[in-house]
Amino acid sequence: MESSEFLDIELNPSQFDALSGLSDDLWDMVVVIGGRGAGKSIALGLFSYEMASLPGSVNLLTAPVVDTLNNSTLPGVLEAWAMIGLVEGRDYVFGAAPKKWKVTTYQKLRNVKIVTWRWGSYTLLDGSDNYAKHRGIELDSVAIDEFGELKAGALDVYIGGLRGKATKRAGKTQKVFAVGNPPSDPYQVQRWEGVDGARVFEVPSHENRRNLPAGYIERMKRRYDRLTYKREVLGKVVATGGMRAFYAFKPEQYPAGNLLRLAFDPHVDLTLTCDFNASESRPMSWFICQRRLVEARWLDVVVQEFINPGTHTDTQTEIVCDWLAARGFKGTIRIRGDATGGDKARNSTTARSDYQTMKTILRAAGPWKVEDEKVRRTRRVKDRIAATNSRWRSADKKIHLVINPDTCPQGITAFKQLRWKENGMELEDVAFKDPVDALSYFPYTEYPIHINETTVKQT
């Protein structure tokens, strides 16, 4: 493994090529699209230091929003700075410099969102949602984290501001270095491929294997579906616009596919997963799932659907109660679903939320036990759909979720038909979207594809 000439640290091949190419003015803009754990944050920190090492330079470090910058970007950048021996208070400070440094304050009103370096350069800190505030600033460099989530228009403003005086005096060009996971919209990356002065790297997590926890990549293969693995681990840009949302759902009999004629078992606990959007044209959609042992493997089996247009939560709950009572169910009911179902008076004039209504009726109706709901608010729809796809069939080709075609016909139709909009970030807004949402809340809550990983170290 080679080492950078300007930093005494061992780099992965793509890190070295990207950083040395920028340092040698081979490129003015580099975009690194990488898998999780590919070493992107370390490279971002090294670039931000390299540009800040030029006295008098003004540089911007940004992420889609300030929370991402504070909670994710900065910790990675600070780790990179520590690796090369930089010390806060000795080499840099957050805010204005100590008087003994004799460094001019960049701008008093910005002191909270700035790193001042001992030799008199500055790194501005802000989210790209505030990009309009940066118009007119003369920048020597821009370092961007989570490039795929950057707010539209932000990059054009940053490029327009690349006219910093420090780089001009040094005979260097101003630079943009952007890192991130593959975006939902491939155009954000494709527009720079082949552009003079720009370079795009697609970096797999495997390249950083020596710095990853043992079994990390193999664990990702079990957790992700094939496309998410390709995007999040191999670092490939995947266009999903117009394709089936549940592409991993295979309507064939298990074990070749996801159909299994396994009936409801009244002696096995169940999970009720729910979507509450209902009108005369759109159904309220709930599913019953059970954990079942099938051919020596534990599977989640969708055994029954309740898809009824123009109904209400109380009516839907009573339908479920009657269905369970008729089958002699006496186990435990676990409730999962849309987090908005916990908002009081969302769809009615009562003071109760959908979940409160459900639990009140269920607990009064039968001999079963009812647990409180467990929900997650959807941050990104693609993560919820990816969590479901990974259960239909994970990247290691294992099936974890099946559905009874005799008792869930409407759900199966929805899973076969629903597609992404052309932007690849939103689902088609059609009537059969609601059953898809209802089932997807279950794996999104129980089997999230993104969880906190052991910190990845760079040697």
Protein backbone atom coordinates (compact mmCIF):
# COMPACT_ATOMS: atom_id res chain seq x y z
CA MET A 1 0.00 0.00 0.00
CA GLU A 2 1.36 3.38 -0.97
CA SER A 3 1.54 6.44 1.25
CA SER A 4 0.73 10.02 0.38
CA GLU A 5 3.74 12.26 -0.17
CA PHE A 6 2.17 15.16 1.69
CA LEU A 7 0.75 13.26 4.66
CA ASP A 8 2.52 10.60 6.72
CA ILE A 9 -0.39 8.17 6.73
CA GLU A 10 -1.08 4.93 4.91
CA LEU A 11 -3.91 5.35 2.42
CA ASN A 12 -6.12 3.01 0.44
CA PRO A 13 -5.54 3.17 -3.35
CA SER A 14 -8.58 5.34 -4.12
CA GLN A 15 -7.88 7.66 -1.19
CA PHE A 16 -4.33 8.10 -2.44
CA ASP A 17 -5.35 8.65 -6.09
CA ALA A 18 -8.06 11.16 -5.19
CA LEU A 19 -6.02 13.21 -2.72
CA SER A 20 -2.76 13.22 -4.65
CA GLY A 21 -4.60 14.07 -7.87
CA LEU A 22 -6.15 17.11 -6.20
CA SER A 23 -2.84 18.12 -4.60
CA ASP A 24 -1.03 17.86 -7.95
CA ASP A 25 -3.74 19.88 -9.75
CA LEU A 26 -4.68 16.94 -11.98
CA TRP A 27 -8.31 17.66 -11.11
CA ASP A 28 -10.23 20.59 -9.69
CA MET A 29 -13.14 18.45 -8.52
CA VAL A 30 -13.24 14.90 -7.20
CA VAL A 31 -16.37 12.97 -6.22
CA VAL A 32 -15.84 9.79 -4.21
CA ILE A 33 -18.90 7.56 -4.17
CA GLY A 34 -18.20 4.76 -1.76
CA GLY A 35 -19.69 1.96 0.23
CA ARG A 36 -20.22 2.13 3.96
CA GLY A 37 -16.86 1.89 5.71
CA ALA A 38 -14.86 2.70 2.56
CA GLY A 39 -12.82 5.41 4.33
CA LYS A 40 -14.63 8.43 2.86
CA SER A 41 -14.68 10.47 6.09
CA ILE A 42 -10.94 10.02 6.62
CA ALA A 43 -10.24 11.22 3.07
CA LEU A 44 -12.52 14.22 3.62
CA GLY A 45 -10.62 15.15 6.78
CA LEU A 46 -7.24 14.85 5.06
CA PHE A 47 -8.38 17.00 2.15
CA SER A 48 -9.80 19.68 4.45
CA TYR A 49 -6.49 19.84 6.31
CA GLU A 50 -4.42 19.91 3.11
CA MET A 51 -6.36 22.93 1.83
CA ALA A 52 -6.37 24.66 5.23
CA SER A 53 -2.58 24.27 5.45
CA LEU A 54 -2.29 27.05 2.86
CA PRO A 55 -1.95 30.29 4.94
CA GLY A 56 -4.75 32.76 4.37
CA SER A 57 -7.05 30.24 2.66
CA VAL A 58 -10.82 30.26 3.20
CA ASN A 59 -12.39 26.82 2.96
CA LEU A 60 -15.87 25.42 3.46
CA LEU A 61 -16.76 22.10 5.10
CA THR A 62 -20.41 21.23 4.54
CA ALA A 63 -23.02 18.48 4.77
CA PRO A 64 -26.70 18.41 3.77
CA VAL A 65 -27.84 19.83 7.13
CA VAL A 66 -26.09 21.18 10.24
CA ASP A 67 -27.11 18.14 12.32
CA THR A 68 -25.35 15.82 9.87
CA LEU A 69 -22.32 18.09 9.92
CA ASN A 70 -22.15 18.09 13.73
CA ASN A 71 -23.10 14.47 14.41
CA SER A 72 -21.44 12.63 11.53
CA THR A 73 -19.08 14.73 9.40
CA LEU A 74 -17.10 16.56 12.08
CA PRO A 75 -16.31 13.47 14.20
CA GLY A 76 -14.80 11.77 11.14
CA VAL A 77 -12.87 14.87 10.13
CA LEU A 78 -11.52 15.40 13.65
CA GLU A 79 -10.45 11.75 13.78
CA ALA A 80 -8.45 12.25 10.58
CA TRP A 81 -6.82 15.39 11.99
CA ALA A 82 -5.87 13.55 15.18
CA MET A 83 -4.35 10.72 13.14
CA ILE A 84 -1.83 13.11 11.60
CA GLY A 85 -0.97 14.70 14.94
CA LEU A 86 -3.13 17.84 14.89
CA VAL A 87 -4.22 19.04 18.32
CA GLU A 88 -7.17 21.31 19.08
CA GLY A 89 -5.95 24.44 20.87
CA ARG A 90 -2.44 24.06 19.51
CA ASP A 91 -3.00 23.81 15.75
CA TYR A 92 -6.61 24.95 15.41
CA VAL A 93 -9.52 26.25 17.45
CA PHE A 94 -13.27 26.47 16.99
CA GLY A 95 -14.08 30.17 16.80
CA ALA A 96 -11.67 33.10 16.97
CA ALA A 97 -7.95 32.47 17.48
CA PRO A 98 -6.21 33.22 20.80
CA LYS A 99 -4.59 36.67 20.81
CA LYS A 100 -1.09 35.15 21.11
CA TRP A 101 -1.50 33.60 17.64
CA LYS A 102 -1.81 37.10 16.13
CA VAL A 103 -4.31 35.78 13.58
CA THR A 104 -6.97 38.09 12.18
CA THR A 105 -10.52 37.14 13.12
CA TYR A 106 -12.26 36.01 9.95
CA GLN A 107 -15.67 37.44 10.82
CA LYS A 108 -16.98 38.02 14.33
CA LEU A 109 -20.54 37.04 13.45
CA ARG A 110 -19.35 33.65 12.15
CA ASN A 111 -17.04 32.69 14.99
CA VAL A 112 -19.23 29.87 16.26
CA LYS A 113 -19.22 28.18 12.84
CA ILE A 114 -15.57 28.41 11.94
CA VAL A 115 -12.27 26.64 12.52
CA THR A 116 -9.33 29.06 12.76
CA TRP A 117 -5.88 27.63 12.08
CA ARG A 118 -2.71 28.75 13.84
CA TRP A 119 -1.10 29.93 10.60
CA GLY A 120 -4.06 32.09 9.65
CA SER A 121 -6.42 30.09 7.44
CA TYR A 122 -10.10 29.33 8.01
CA THR A 123 -12.53 26.44 7.59
CA LEU A 124 -16.16 27.56 7.55
CA LEU A 125 -18.73 25.07 8.90
CA ASP A 126 -22.33 25.03 7.67
CA GLY A 127 -25.08 22.87 6.21
CA SER A 128 -25.86 23.07 2.51
CA ASP A 129 -29.45 23.97 3.36
CA ASN A 130 -27.94 27.40 4.13
CA TYR A 131 -26.03 27.62 0.85
CA ALA A 132 -27.61 30.93 -0.16
CA LYS A 133 -25.69 32.60 2.72
CA HIS A 134 -22.43 31.67 1.03
CA ARG A 135 -23.00 33.74 -2.10
CA GLY A 136 -20.18 36.20 -2.50
CA ILE A 137 -17.68 34.35 -0.28
CA GLU A 138 -14.37 33.80 -2.05
CA LEU A 139 -13.48 30.18 -1.35
CA ASP A 140 -10.27 28.27 -1.88
CA SER A 141 -11.93 24.90 -1.43
CA VAL A 142 -15.19 23.13 -0.63
CA ALA A 143 -15.31 19.78 1.19
CA ILE A 144 -18.72 18.09 0.96
CA ASP A 145 -20.02 15.14 2.95
CA GLU A 146 -23.10 13.10 1.94
CA PHE A 147 -22.85 14.49 -1.58
CA GLY A 148 -25.89 12.53 -2.79
CA GLU A 149 -28.15 14.34 -0.32
CA LEU A 150 -26.86 17.83 -1.14
CA LYS A 151 -29.62 20.40 -1.57
CA ALA A 152 -30.36 21.25 -5.19
CA GLY A 153 -28.51 24.38 -6.29
CA ALA A 154 -25.95 24.30 -3.50
CA LEU A 155 -23.05 22.91 -5.54
CA ASP A 156 -23.50 25.51 -8.29
CA VAL A 157 -23.26 28.28 -5.69
CA TYR A 158 -20.13 26.74 -4.18
CA ILE A 159 -18.44 26.35 -7.56
CA GLY A 160 -19.28 29.97 -8.35
CA GLY A 161 -17.51 30.98 -5.13
CA LEU A 162 -14.23 29.21 -5.98
CA ARG A 163 -12.11 32.31 -6.47
CA GLY A 164 -10.02 32.29 -3.29
CA LYS A 165 -7.00 34.57 -3.20
CA ALA A 166 -4.67 32.23 -1.26
CA THR A 167 -4.70 29.56 -3.97
CA LYS A 168 -4.19 32.20 -6.64
CA ARG A 169 -1.13 33.56 -4.84
CA ALA A 170 0.27 30.04 -4.56
CA GLY A 171 -0.33 29.32 -8.25
CA LYS A 172 -2.83 26.58 -7.36
CA THR A 173 -6.40 25.98 -8.47
CA GLN A 174 -9.41 26.04 -6.17
CA LYS A 175 -10.81 22.61 -5.35
CA VAL A 176 -14.02 20.68 -4.60
CA PHE A 177 -13.84 17.32 -2.85
CA ALA A 178 -17.15 15.51 -2.31
CA VAL A 179 -17.83 12.14 -0.71
CA GLY A 180 -20.94 10.11 -0.07
CA ASN A 181 -22.91 6.94 -0.61
CA PRO A 182 -24.41 6.48 -4.08
CA PRO A 183 -27.34 8.91 -4.41
CA SER A 184 -30.89 7.93 -5.29
CA ASP A 185 -30.62 10.19 -8.33
CA PRO A 186 -27.64 8.95 -10.41
CA TYR A 187 -27.59 12.22 -12.39
CA GLN A 188 -25.96 13.97 -9.44
CA VAL A 189 -22.87 11.88 -10.12
CA GLN A 190 -23.19 11.18 -13.84
CA ARG A 191 -23.18 14.88 -14.71
CA TRP A 192 -19.50 15.05 -13.64
CA GLU A 193 -18.25 11.93 -15.39
CA GLY A 194 -16.10 12.96 -18.33
CA VAL A 195 -16.18 16.68 -17.45
CA ASP A 196 -12.78 18.29 -17.93
CA GLY A 197 -11.08 18.82 -14.56
CA ALA A 198 -13.45 16.46 -12.71
CA ARG A 199 -13.01 12.85 -11.63
CA VAL A 200 -15.51 10.38 -10.15
CA PHE A 201 -14.33 7.40 -8.05
CA GLU A 202 -16.61 4.47 -7.19
CA VAL A 203 -15.01 2.86 -4.14
CA PRO A 204 -16.13 -0.47 -2.60
CA SER A 205 -16.00 -1.08 1.13
CA HIS A 206 -13.68 -4.03 0.37
CA GLU A 207 -10.87 -1.60 -0.39
CA ASN A 208 -10.83 -0.63 3.28
CA ARG A 209 -11.22 -4.19 4.59
CA ARG A 210 -8.08 -4.04 6.74
CA ASN A 211 -9.62 -1.18 8.76
CA LEU A 212 -13.09 -2.72 9.11
CA PRO A 213 -14.35 -4.83 12.02
CA ALA A 214 -14.08 -8.58 11.49
CA GLY A 215 -16.98 -9.89 9.42
CA TYR A 216 -18.24 -6.38 8.55
CA ILE A 217 -18.70 -6.92 4.81
CA GLU A 218 -20.17 -10.39 5.26
CA ARG A 219 -22.63 -8.93 7.78
CA MET A 220 -23.67 -6.34 5.20
CA LYS A 221 -24.33 -9.10 2.69
CA ARG A 222 -26.74 -10.74 5.12
CA ARG A 223 -28.42 -7.46 6.04
CA TYR A 224 -28.85 -5.87 2.61
CA ASP A 225 -30.75 -6.85 -0.48
CA ARG A 226 -28.79 -7.16 -3.74
CA LEU A 227 -29.25 -3.58 -4.97
CA THR A 228 -28.61 -2.02 -1.56
CA TYR A 229 -25.48 -4.16 -1.21
CA LYS A 230 -24.35 -3.00 -4.64
CA ARG A 231 -24.95 0.63 -3.66
CA GLU A 232 -23.94 0.69 0.01
CA VAL A 233 -21.02 -1.78 -0.05
CA LEU A 234 -19.71 -1.86 -3.61
CA GLY A 235 -20.21 1.90 -4.00
CA LYS A 236 -22.03 1.59 -7.34
CA VAL A 237 -24.46 4.22 -8.61
CA VAL A 238 -27.79 2.43 -9.11
CA ALA A 239 -30.67 4.00 -11.05
CA THR A 240 -33.99 2.94 -9.50
CA GLY A 241 -36.30 5.39 -11.30
CA GLY A 242 -39.25 3.55 -12.83
CA MET A 243 -38.26 0.11 -11.53
CA ARG A 244 -40.35 -2.10 -9.26
CA ALA A 245 -40.03 -1.03 -5.64
CA PHE A 246 -40.11 -4.63 -4.37
CA TYR A 247 -37.87 -6.01 -7.11
CA ALA A 248 -36.67 -8.74 -4.72
CA PHE A 249 -40.20 -10.13 -4.28
CA LYS A 250 -40.46 -13.29 -6.39
CA PRO A 251 -44.05 -14.59 -6.83
CA GLU A 252 -43.10 -18.28 -6.89
CA GLN A 253 -43.51 -21.03 -4.34
CA TYR A 254 -40.96 -21.20 -1.53
CA PRO A 255 -38.06 -22.07 -1.48
CA ALA A 256 -37.60 -20.67 -5.01
CA GLY A 257 -39.73 -17.61 -4.24
CA ASN A 258 -41.72 -15.80 -1.56
CA LEU A 259 -45.10 -17.58 -1.73
CA LEU A 260 -45.94 -20.11 0.97
CA ARG A 261 -49.36 -21.59 1.70
CA LEU A 262 -48.93 -21.64 5.46
CA ALA A 263 -52.11 -20.91 7.42
CA PHE A 264 -52.49 -18.80 10.55
CA ASP A 265 -51.62 -20.72 13.74
CA PRO A 266 -53.74 -19.62 16.74
CA HIS A 267 -51.10 -20.96 19.12
CA VAL A 268 -48.31 -18.68 17.81
CA ASP A 269 -47.86 -15.01 18.76
CA LEU A 270 -48.48 -12.51 15.98
CA THR A 271 -47.39 -9.10 14.74
CA LEU A 272 -50.00 -6.70 13.38
CA THR A 273 -48.38 -4.21 10.98
CA CYS A 274 -50.53 -1.27 9.95
CA ASP A 275 -51.00 1.68 7.61
CA PHE A 276 -53.86 4.02 8.58
CA ASN A 277 -54.43 6.15 5.45
CA ALA A 278 -57.97 5.37 4.37
CA SER A 279 -60.70 6.96 2.22
CA GLU A 280 -63.39 5.82 -0.20
CA SER A 281 -60.68 5.34 -2.83
CA ARG A 282 -57.79 4.20 -0.62
CA PRO A 283 -57.80 1.25 1.76
CA MET A 284 -56.81 0.92 5.36
CA SER A 285 -54.24 -1.87 5.16
CA TRP A 286 -53.11 -4.21 7.93
CA PHE A 287 -51.27 -7.55 7.85
CA ILE A 288 -50.79 -10.35 10.36
CA CYS A 289 -47.25 -11.81 10.45
CA GLN A 290 -46.05 -14.83 12.42
CA ARG A 291 -42.57 -16.18 13.08
CA ARG A 292 -42.64 -19.80 11.91
CA LEU A 293 -40.19 -22.67 11.61
CA VAL A 294 -40.16 -23.87 8.01
CA GLU A 295 -37.82 -26.66 6.88
CA ALA A 296 -35.45 -25.97 9.81
CA ARG A 297 -35.39 -22.21 9.08
CA TRP A 298 -37.20 -19.43 10.91
CA LEU A 299 -39.23 -17.27 8.52
CA ASP A 300 -41.57 -14.32 8.93
CA VAL A 301 -44.81 -15.42 7.31
CA VAL A 302 -47.52 -12.97 6.24
CA VAL A 303 -50.60 -15.08 6.95
CA GLN A 304 -53.52 -12.67 6.57
CA GLU A 305 -54.39 -9.28 5.08
CA PHE A 306 -57.08 -6.79 6.10
CA ILE A 307 -57.41 -4.29 3.26
CA ASN A 308 -60.63 -2.27 3.44
CA PRO A 309 -61.36 1.09 1.72
CA GLY A 310 -63.42 3.74 3.45
CA THR A 311 -63.08 2.28 6.93
CA HIS A 312 -61.83 3.67 10.25
CA THR A 313 -59.38 2.43 12.85
CA ASP A 314 -62.07 1.33 15.29
CA THR A 315 -63.98 -0.60 12.61
CA GLN A 316 -60.81 -2.21 11.28
CA THR A 317 -59.80 -3.25 14.78
CA GLU A 318 -63.20 -4.85 15.40
CA ILE A 319 -62.87 -6.81 12.15
CA VAL A 320 -59.50 -8.14 13.33
CA CYS A 321 -60.90 -8.99 16.79
CA ASP A 322 -63.77 -11.00 15.27
CA TRP A 323 -61.34 -12.82 12.95
CA LEU A 324 -58.99 -13.77 15.83
CA ALA A 325 -61.82 -14.80 18.14
CA ALA A 326 -63.29 -17.09 15.48
CA ARG A 327 -59.95 -18.92 15.31
CA GLY A 328 -59.47 -19.22 19.07
CA PHE A 329 -56.34 -17.08 19.30
CA LYS A 330 -54.99 -16.66 22.85
CA GLY A 331 -51.42 -15.49 22.32
CA THR A 332 -49.67 -12.11 22.24
CA ILE A 333 -50.33 -9.35 19.72
CA ARG A 334 -47.40 -7.08 18.87
CA ILE A 335 -48.24 -3.87 17.02
CA ARG A 336 -46.01 -2.25 14.40
CA GLY A 337 -46.77 0.37 11.77
CA ASP A 338 -46.77 3.96 10.64
CA ALA A 339 -45.39 6.28 13.33
CA THR A 340 -48.06 8.87 12.49
CA GLY A 341 -50.60 6.46 13.95
CA GLY A 342 -49.40 7.71 17.32
CA ASP A 343 -50.49 11.28 16.57
CA LYS A 344 -53.65 12.06 18.50
CA ALA A 345 -56.82 12.99 16.63
CA ARG A 346 -55.08 12.65 13.26
CA ASN A 347 -58.10 11.19 11.45
CA SER A 348 -60.93 11.77 13.85
CA THR A 349 -62.48 14.18 16.31
CA THR A 350 -61.54 12.03 19.29
CA ALA A 351 -58.61 12.68 21.57
CA ARG A 352 -57.16 9.21 20.97
CA SER A 353 -54.48 8.20 18.49
CA ASP A 354 -54.93 5.27 16.10
CA TYR A 355 -52.77 3.08 18.32
CA GLN A 356 -54.65 4.04 21.45
CA THR A 357 -57.91 3.16 19.72
CA MET A 358 -56.52 -0.19 18.58
CA LYS A 359 -55.19 -1.17 22.00
CA THR A 360 -58.37 -0.16 23.83
CA ILE A 361 -60.56 -2.31 21.57
CA LEU A 362 -58.15 -5.24 21.32
CA ARG A 363 -57.60 -5.48 25.08
CA ALA A 364 -61.31 -5.46 25.78
CA ALA A 365 -62.25 -7.95 23.08
CA GLY A 366 -60.46 -11.20 23.73
CA PRO A 367 -58.29 -13.48 25.88
CA TRP A 368 -55.10 -12.40 24.14
CA LYS A 369 -52.33 -10.13 25.42
CA VAL A 370 -51.63 -6.84 23.64
CA GLU A 371 -48.20 -5.16 23.75
CA ASP A 372 -47.64 -1.46 23.13
CA GLU A 373 -46.77 -0.42 19.60
CA LYS A 374 -43.18 -0.16 18.39
CA VAL A 375 -42.64 2.22 15.49
CA ARG A 376 -39.95 4.22 13.65
CA ARG A 377 -40.56 7.43 11.77
CA THR A 378 -39.51 7.02 8.17
CA ARG A 379 -36.38 9.08 7.46
CA ARG A 380 -35.97 7.91 3.88
CA VAL A 381 -38.51 5.84 1.99
CA LYS A 382 -35.72 3.99 0.17
CA ASP A 383 -34.43 2.66 3.52
CA ARG A 384 -37.87 1.31 4.43
CA ILE A 385 -38.27 -0.37 1.04
CA ALA A 386 -34.69 -1.66 1.15
CA ALA A 387 -35.32 -3.21 4.57
CA THR A 388 -38.29 -5.07 3.08
CA ASN A 389 -36.39 -6.15 -0.03
CA SER A 390 -33.62 -7.54 2.18
CA ARG A 391 -36.23 -9.73 3.89
CA TRP A 392 -37.74 -10.94 0.60
CA ARG A 393 -34.23 -11.98 -0.44
CA SER A 394 -30.94 -10.74 1.04
CA ALA A 395 -27.75 -10.25 -0.97
CA ASP A 396 -26.53 -13.69 0.15
CA LYS A 397 -29.66 -15.12 -1.61
CA LYS A 398 -31.45 -16.11 1.60
CA ILE A 399 -35.23 -15.69 1.90
CA HIS A 400 -36.47 -14.40 5.25
CA LEU A 401 -40.05 -13.28 4.44
CA VAL A 402 -42.86 -15.17 2.71
CA ILE A 403 -46.56 -14.54 2.15
CA ASN A 404 -49.63 -16.75 1.85
CA PRO A 405 -51.07 -16.19 -1.66
CA ASP A 406 -54.50 -17.55 -0.69
CA THR A 407 -55.10 -15.13 2.19
CA CYS A 408 -53.19 -12.05 0.92
CA PRO A 409 -54.12 -11.60 -2.77
CA GLN A 410 -54.37 -7.79 -2.74
CA GLY A 411 -51.04 -7.44 -1.01
CA ILE A 412 -49.34 -9.66 -3.55
CA THR A 413 -50.78 -7.58 -6.41
CA ALA A 414 -49.39 -4.45 -4.78
CA PHE A 415 -45.95 -5.95 -4.18
CA LYS A 416 -45.77 -7.01 -7.84
CA GLN A 417 -46.87 -3.66 -9.30
CA LEU A 418 -45.68 -0.69 -7.23
CA ARG A 419 -42.84 1.27 -8.83
CA TRP A 420 -40.52 4.15 -8.04
CA LYS A 421 -41.13 7.50 -9.65
CA GLU A 422 -38.61 8.49 -12.28
CA ASN A 423 -36.61 10.44 -9.69
CA GLY A 424 -35.90 7.15 -7.87
CA MET A 425 -36.63 8.74 -4.49
CA GLU A 426 -40.44 8.60 -4.20
CA LEU A 427 -42.94 5.82 -4.73
CA GLU A 428 -45.79 6.08 -7.22
CA ASP A 429 -48.82 7.56 -5.50
CA VAL A 430 -51.40 4.90 -6.39
CA ALA A 431 -54.16 3.19 -4.42
CA PHE A 432 -52.21 -0.05 -3.99
CA LYS A 433 -49.29 1.82 -2.40
CA ASP A 434 -50.95 1.58 1.02
CA PRO A 435 -50.61 -2.21 1.45
CA VAL A 436 -46.95 -1.88 0.51
CA ASP A 437 -46.46 0.78 3.17
CA ALA A 438 -48.29 -1.33 5.75
CA LEU A 439 -46.03 -4.35 5.37
CA SER A 440 -42.81 -2.33 5.00
CA TYR A 441 -43.18 -0.81 8.49
CA PHE A 442 -42.62 -4.27 9.98
CA PRO A 443 -39.10 -4.98 8.60
CA TYR A 444 -38.19 -1.29 8.86
CA THR A 445 -38.80 -1.53 12.60
CA GLU A 446 -37.65 -5.07 13.31
CA TYR A 447 -34.79 -5.46 10.79
CA PRO A 448 -33.39 -1.99 9.95
CA ILE A 449 -30.64 -2.11 7.36
CA HIS A 450 -28.73 0.80 8.90
CA ILE A 451 -27.61 0.38 12.50
CA ASN A 452 -24.67 1.78 14.43
CA GLU A 453 -21.50 -0.03 13.42
CA THR A 454 -18.25 -0.39 15.31
CA THR A 455 -16.09 2.64 14.55
CA VAL A 456 -13.94 2.11 11.48
CA LYS A 457 -10.30 3.00 12.03
CA GLN A 458 -7.71 4.00 9.41
CA THR A 459 -4.15 2.92 10.03
